[in-house]
Amino acid sequence: MIRYELPRRWILYDANAVMTALVEAKAAVRALTTLPYQKSWVEALQELQLKREVAGTSRIEGAEFTERELDQAVRPDVSPEELHTRSQRQARASH
């Protein structure tokens, strides 16, 4: 049997040494949570994140396409019949 020996003073730290960093982090978080975002910014970020997720999922499944082909695949005004490659159709299906 191997005995485990607790380390001494393993959780002790100087609170004053880390206080400045903690206060700055808290201030940054509060500032960001109180900023009013324009709806268009939020929608653009959500669209970008969705594109990244679709691209990642499609690439895991073996799809290969350019950024332009992906943009065309996820555009709502493009019909499925207008998509040229199998990869685009996969991306459209996962969108």
N, C-alpha and C. Protein backbone atom coordinates (compact mmCIF):
# COMPACT_ATOMS: atom_id res chain seq x y z
N MET A 1 0.84 -1.17 0.00
CA MET A 1 0.00 0.00 0.00
C MET A 1 0.89 1.24 0.00
N ILE A 2 0.56 2.19 -0.87
CA ILE A 2 1.30 3.44 -0.95
C ILE A 2 0.54 4.48 -0.14
N ARG A 3 1.22 5.09 0.78
CA ARG A 3 0.60 6.11 1.63
C ARG A 3 0.71 7.47 0.95
N TYR A 4 -0.38 8.18 0.97
CA TYR A 4 -0.40 9.53 0.40
C TYR A 4 -0.13 10.51 1.51
N GLU A 5 0.81 11.39 1.26
CA GLU A 5 1.15 12.40 2.27
C GLU A 5 0.67 13.75 1.78
N LEU A 6 -0.17 14.41 2.57
CA LEU A 6 -0.68 15.72 2.19
C LEU A 6 0.45 16.74 2.18
N PRO A 7 0.51 17.54 1.14
CA PRO A 7 1.55 18.58 1.10
C PRO A 7 1.25 19.65 2.15
N ARG A 8 2.29 20.23 2.65
CA ARG A 8 2.12 21.29 3.65
C ARG A 8 2.02 22.63 2.94
N ARG A 9 1.19 23.48 3.43
CA ARG A 9 1.00 24.84 2.94
C ARG A 9 0.63 24.88 1.45
N TRP A 10 -0.10 23.90 0.95
CA TRP A 10 -0.40 23.83 -0.47
C TRP A 10 -1.49 24.79 -0.89
N ILE A 11 -2.32 25.25 0.01
CA ILE A 11 -3.39 26.14 -0.38
C ILE A 11 -3.17 27.57 0.14
N LEU A 12 -2.11 27.82 0.75
CA LEU A 12 -1.85 29.16 1.27
C LEU A 12 -1.36 30.07 0.15
N TYR A 13 -1.91 31.27 0.12
CA TYR A 13 -1.47 32.25 -0.87
C TYR A 13 -1.62 33.64 -0.27
N ASP A 14 -0.98 34.58 -0.89
CA ASP A 14 -1.02 35.96 -0.43
C ASP A 14 -2.19 36.65 -1.12
N ALA A 15 -3.27 36.90 -0.39
CA ALA A 15 -4.48 37.50 -0.96
C ALA A 15 -4.20 38.87 -1.54
N ASN A 16 -3.34 39.63 -0.92
CA ASN A 16 -3.01 40.97 -1.43
C ASN A 16 -2.29 40.90 -2.77
N ALA A 17 -1.54 39.85 -3.00
CA ALA A 17 -0.79 39.72 -4.25
C ALA A 17 -1.73 39.48 -5.44
N VAL A 18 -2.86 38.84 -5.20
CA VAL A 18 -3.78 38.55 -6.30
C VAL A 18 -4.99 39.48 -6.33
N MET A 19 -5.13 40.33 -5.34
CA MET A 19 -6.31 41.19 -5.24
C MET A 19 -6.46 42.13 -6.44
N THR A 20 -5.37 42.73 -6.88
CA THR A 20 -5.45 43.66 -8.01
C THR A 20 -5.97 42.97 -9.26
N ALA A 21 -5.45 41.78 -9.55
CA ALA A 21 -5.89 41.04 -10.73
C ALA A 21 -7.36 40.66 -10.61
N LEU A 22 -7.80 40.25 -9.42
CA LEU A 22 -9.19 39.88 -9.22
C LEU A 22 -10.13 41.08 -9.38
N VAL A 23 -9.73 42.22 -8.84
CA VAL A 23 -10.55 43.43 -8.95
C VAL A 23 -10.65 43.88 -10.40
N GLU A 24 -9.55 43.83 -11.14
CA GLU A 24 -9.57 44.21 -12.56
C GLU A 24 -10.46 43.28 -13.38
N ALA A 25 -10.37 41.98 -13.09
CA ALA A 25 -11.20 41.02 -13.81
C ALA A 25 -12.68 41.25 -13.50
N LYS A 26 -13.00 41.46 -12.25
CA LYS A 26 -14.39 41.71 -11.87
C LYS A 26 -14.91 42.99 -12.52
N ALA A 27 -14.10 44.03 -12.54
CA ALA A 27 -14.50 45.30 -13.16
C ALA A 27 -14.75 45.12 -14.65
N ALA A 28 -13.91 44.36 -15.32
CA ALA A 28 -14.09 44.13 -16.76
C ALA A 28 -15.37 43.36 -17.03
N VAL A 29 -15.65 42.35 -16.22
CA VAL A 29 -16.87 41.57 -16.40
C VAL A 29 -18.10 42.44 -16.18
N ARG A 30 -18.08 43.24 -15.15
CA ARG A 30 -19.23 44.13 -14.88
C ARG A 30 -19.41 45.15 -16.00
N ALA A 31 -18.32 45.69 -16.50
CA ALA A 31 -18.42 46.66 -17.58
C ALA A 31 -19.02 46.02 -18.83
N LEU A 32 -18.61 44.81 -19.14
CA LEU A 32 -19.12 44.14 -20.33
C LEU A 32 -20.59 43.74 -20.18
N THR A 33 -20.99 43.38 -18.97
CA THR A 33 -22.38 42.96 -18.79
C THR A 33 -23.35 44.13 -18.78
N THR A 34 -22.85 45.34 -18.61
CA THR A 34 -23.75 46.49 -18.58
C THR A 34 -23.76 47.26 -19.90
N LEU A 35 -22.91 46.88 -20.85
CA LEU A 35 -22.90 47.56 -22.15
C LEU A 35 -24.12 47.16 -22.96
N PRO A 36 -24.80 48.12 -23.53
CA PRO A 36 -25.91 47.76 -24.41
C PRO A 36 -25.37 47.36 -25.79
N TYR A 37 -25.75 46.20 -26.25
CA TYR A 37 -25.29 45.73 -27.55
C TYR A 37 -26.35 46.04 -28.59
N GLN A 38 -25.91 46.41 -29.76
CA GLN A 38 -26.85 46.59 -30.86
C GLN A 38 -27.32 45.21 -31.32
N LYS A 39 -28.59 45.13 -31.62
CA LYS A 39 -29.16 43.86 -32.04
C LYS A 39 -28.43 43.29 -33.25
N SER A 40 -28.02 44.14 -34.16
CA SER A 40 -27.33 43.67 -35.36
C SER A 40 -26.00 43.00 -35.02
N TRP A 41 -25.32 43.50 -33.97
CA TRP A 41 -24.05 42.89 -33.54
C TRP A 41 -24.30 41.47 -33.04
N VAL A 42 -25.30 41.35 -32.20
CA VAL A 42 -25.61 40.04 -31.63
C VAL A 42 -26.00 39.06 -32.73
N GLU A 43 -26.83 39.51 -33.66
CA GLU A 43 -27.24 38.64 -34.76
C GLU A 43 -26.05 38.25 -35.64
N ALA A 44 -25.15 39.19 -35.89
CA ALA A 44 -23.97 38.89 -36.70
C ALA A 44 -23.06 37.88 -36.00
N LEU A 45 -22.89 38.04 -34.70
CA LEU A 45 -22.06 37.09 -33.94
C LEU A 45 -22.70 35.71 -33.90
N GLN A 46 -24.02 35.67 -33.74
CA GLN A 46 -24.70 34.38 -33.74
C GLN A 46 -24.58 33.69 -35.09
N GLU A 47 -24.70 34.45 -36.16
CA GLU A 47 -24.57 33.89 -37.51
C GLU A 47 -23.15 33.36 -37.74
N LEU A 48 -22.16 34.12 -37.29
CA LEU A 48 -20.77 33.68 -37.42
C LEU A 48 -20.53 32.39 -36.64
N GLN A 49 -21.04 32.32 -35.41
CA GLN A 49 -20.87 31.11 -34.61
C GLN A 49 -21.57 29.93 -35.25
N LEU A 50 -22.76 30.15 -35.78
CA LEU A 50 -23.48 29.07 -36.45
C LEU A 50 -22.70 28.56 -37.65
N LYS A 51 -22.13 29.48 -38.43
CA LYS A 51 -21.32 29.08 -39.59
C LYS A 51 -20.13 28.23 -39.15
N ARG A 52 -19.49 28.64 -38.08
CA ARG A 52 -18.34 27.87 -37.58
C ARG A 52 -18.76 26.47 -37.15
N GLU A 53 -19.90 26.38 -36.47
CA GLU A 53 -20.38 25.07 -36.03
C GLU A 53 -20.75 24.19 -37.22
N VAL A 54 -21.42 24.77 -38.20
CA VAL A 54 -21.80 24.02 -39.40
C VAL A 54 -20.55 23.56 -40.14
N ALA A 55 -19.58 24.45 -40.29
CA ALA A 55 -18.34 24.10 -41.00
C ALA A 55 -17.60 23.00 -40.26
N GLY A 56 -17.52 23.12 -38.94
CA GLY A 56 -16.82 22.10 -38.15
C GLY A 56 -17.49 20.75 -38.25
N THR A 57 -18.82 20.74 -38.10
CA THR A 57 -19.56 19.48 -38.20
C THR A 57 -19.42 18.86 -39.58
N SER A 58 -19.54 19.69 -40.61
CA SER A 58 -19.43 19.17 -41.98
C SER A 58 -18.03 18.64 -42.26
N ARG A 59 -17.02 19.31 -41.76
CA ARG A 59 -15.64 18.84 -42.00
C ARG A 59 -15.37 17.54 -41.26
N ILE A 60 -15.95 17.39 -40.07
CA ILE A 60 -15.81 16.12 -39.34
C ILE A 60 -16.40 14.98 -40.18
N GLU A 61 -17.48 15.29 -40.88
CA GLU A 61 -18.14 14.28 -41.71
C GLU A 61 -17.45 14.11 -43.06
N GLY A 62 -16.36 14.84 -43.29
CA GLY A 62 -15.57 14.65 -44.50
C GLY A 62 -15.83 15.66 -45.59
N ALA A 63 -16.62 16.67 -45.33
CA ALA A 63 -16.90 17.67 -46.35
C ALA A 63 -15.71 18.61 -46.51
N GLU A 64 -15.48 19.02 -47.74
CA GLU A 64 -14.43 19.99 -48.02
C GLU A 64 -15.01 21.06 -48.92
N PHE A 65 -14.96 22.31 -48.45
CA PHE A 65 -15.45 23.41 -49.25
C PHE A 65 -14.77 24.69 -48.82
N THR A 66 -14.85 25.67 -49.71
CA THR A 66 -14.23 26.96 -49.42
C THR A 66 -15.19 27.79 -48.56
N GLU A 67 -14.68 28.88 -48.03
CA GLU A 67 -15.51 29.80 -47.24
C GLU A 67 -16.67 30.33 -48.07
N ARG A 68 -16.40 30.62 -49.33
CA ARG A 68 -17.45 31.14 -50.22
C ARG A 68 -18.55 30.10 -50.45
N GLU A 69 -18.15 28.84 -50.64
CA GLU A 69 -19.13 27.77 -50.82
C GLU A 69 -19.98 27.59 -49.57
N LEU A 70 -19.37 27.70 -48.41
CA LEU A 70 -20.11 27.59 -47.16
C LEU A 70 -21.11 28.74 -47.02
N ASP A 71 -20.66 29.96 -47.34
CA ASP A 71 -21.56 31.11 -47.26
C ASP A 71 -22.78 30.91 -48.16
N GLN A 72 -22.55 30.39 -49.35
CA GLN A 72 -23.65 30.16 -50.27
C GLN A 72 -24.58 29.07 -49.73
N ALA A 73 -24.02 28.05 -49.11
CA ALA A 73 -24.82 26.94 -48.61
C ALA A 73 -25.76 27.35 -47.48
N VAL A 74 -25.36 28.32 -46.66
CA VAL A 74 -26.18 28.70 -45.51
C VAL A 74 -27.04 29.94 -45.75
N ARG A 75 -26.93 30.52 -46.94
CA ARG A 75 -27.77 31.69 -47.24
C ARG A 75 -29.22 31.26 -47.41
N PRO A 76 -30.15 31.95 -46.74
CA PRO A 76 -31.56 31.53 -46.82
C PRO A 76 -32.20 31.76 -48.18
N ASP A 77 -31.64 32.67 -48.98
CA ASP A 77 -32.24 32.96 -50.28
C ASP A 77 -31.76 32.02 -51.39
N VAL A 78 -30.89 31.08 -51.05
CA VAL A 78 -30.40 30.11 -52.03
C VAL A 78 -31.15 28.80 -51.82
N SER A 79 -31.75 28.30 -52.87
CA SER A 79 -32.51 27.05 -52.75
C SER A 79 -31.56 25.86 -52.76
N PRO A 80 -31.99 24.74 -52.20
CA PRO A 80 -31.14 23.54 -52.20
C PRO A 80 -30.75 23.09 -53.61
N GLU A 81 -31.60 23.36 -54.58
CA GLU A 81 -31.30 22.97 -55.97
C GLU A 81 -30.14 23.77 -56.55
N GLU A 82 -29.87 24.94 -56.00
CA GLU A 82 -28.79 25.79 -56.50
C GLU A 82 -27.42 25.40 -55.92
N LEU A 83 -27.41 24.52 -54.95
CA LEU A 83 -26.14 24.10 -54.34
C LEU A 83 -25.47 23.08 -55.26
N HIS A 84 -24.18 23.29 -55.51
CA HIS A 84 -23.49 22.51 -56.53
C HIS A 84 -22.81 21.25 -55.98
N THR A 85 -22.31 21.29 -54.77
CA THR A 85 -21.52 20.17 -54.28
C THR A 85 -22.24 19.43 -53.15
N ARG A 86 -21.83 18.20 -52.97
CA ARG A 86 -22.38 17.39 -51.87
C ARG A 86 -22.06 18.04 -50.53
N SER A 87 -20.89 18.61 -50.41
CA SER A 87 -20.48 19.27 -49.17
C SER A 87 -21.40 20.44 -48.85
N GLN A 88 -21.79 21.18 -49.87
CA GLN A 88 -22.70 22.30 -49.64
C GLN A 88 -24.06 21.79 -49.18
N ARG A 89 -24.53 20.70 -49.75
CA ARG A 89 -25.82 20.16 -49.35
C ARG A 89 -25.76 19.65 -47.92
N GLN A 90 -24.63 19.06 -47.52
CA GLN A 90 -24.46 18.62 -46.13
C GLN A 90 -24.49 19.81 -45.18
N ALA A 91 -23.78 20.86 -45.56
CA ALA A 91 -23.74 22.05 -44.72
C ALA A 91 -25.12 22.66 -44.60
N ARG A 92 -25.86 22.69 -45.69
CA ARG A 92 -27.22 23.25 -45.68
C ARG A 92 -28.11 22.43 -44.77
N ALA A 93 -27.98 21.12 -44.82
CA ALA A 93 -28.81 20.24 -44.00
C ALA A 93 -28.52 20.41 -42.51
N SER A 94 -27.28 20.69 -42.18
CA SER A 94 -26.94 20.86 -40.76
C SER A 94 -27.21 22.26 -40.25
N HIS A 95 -27.47 23.19 -41.17
CA HIS A 95 -27.77 24.57 -40.81
C HIS A 95 -29.19 24.62 -40.32
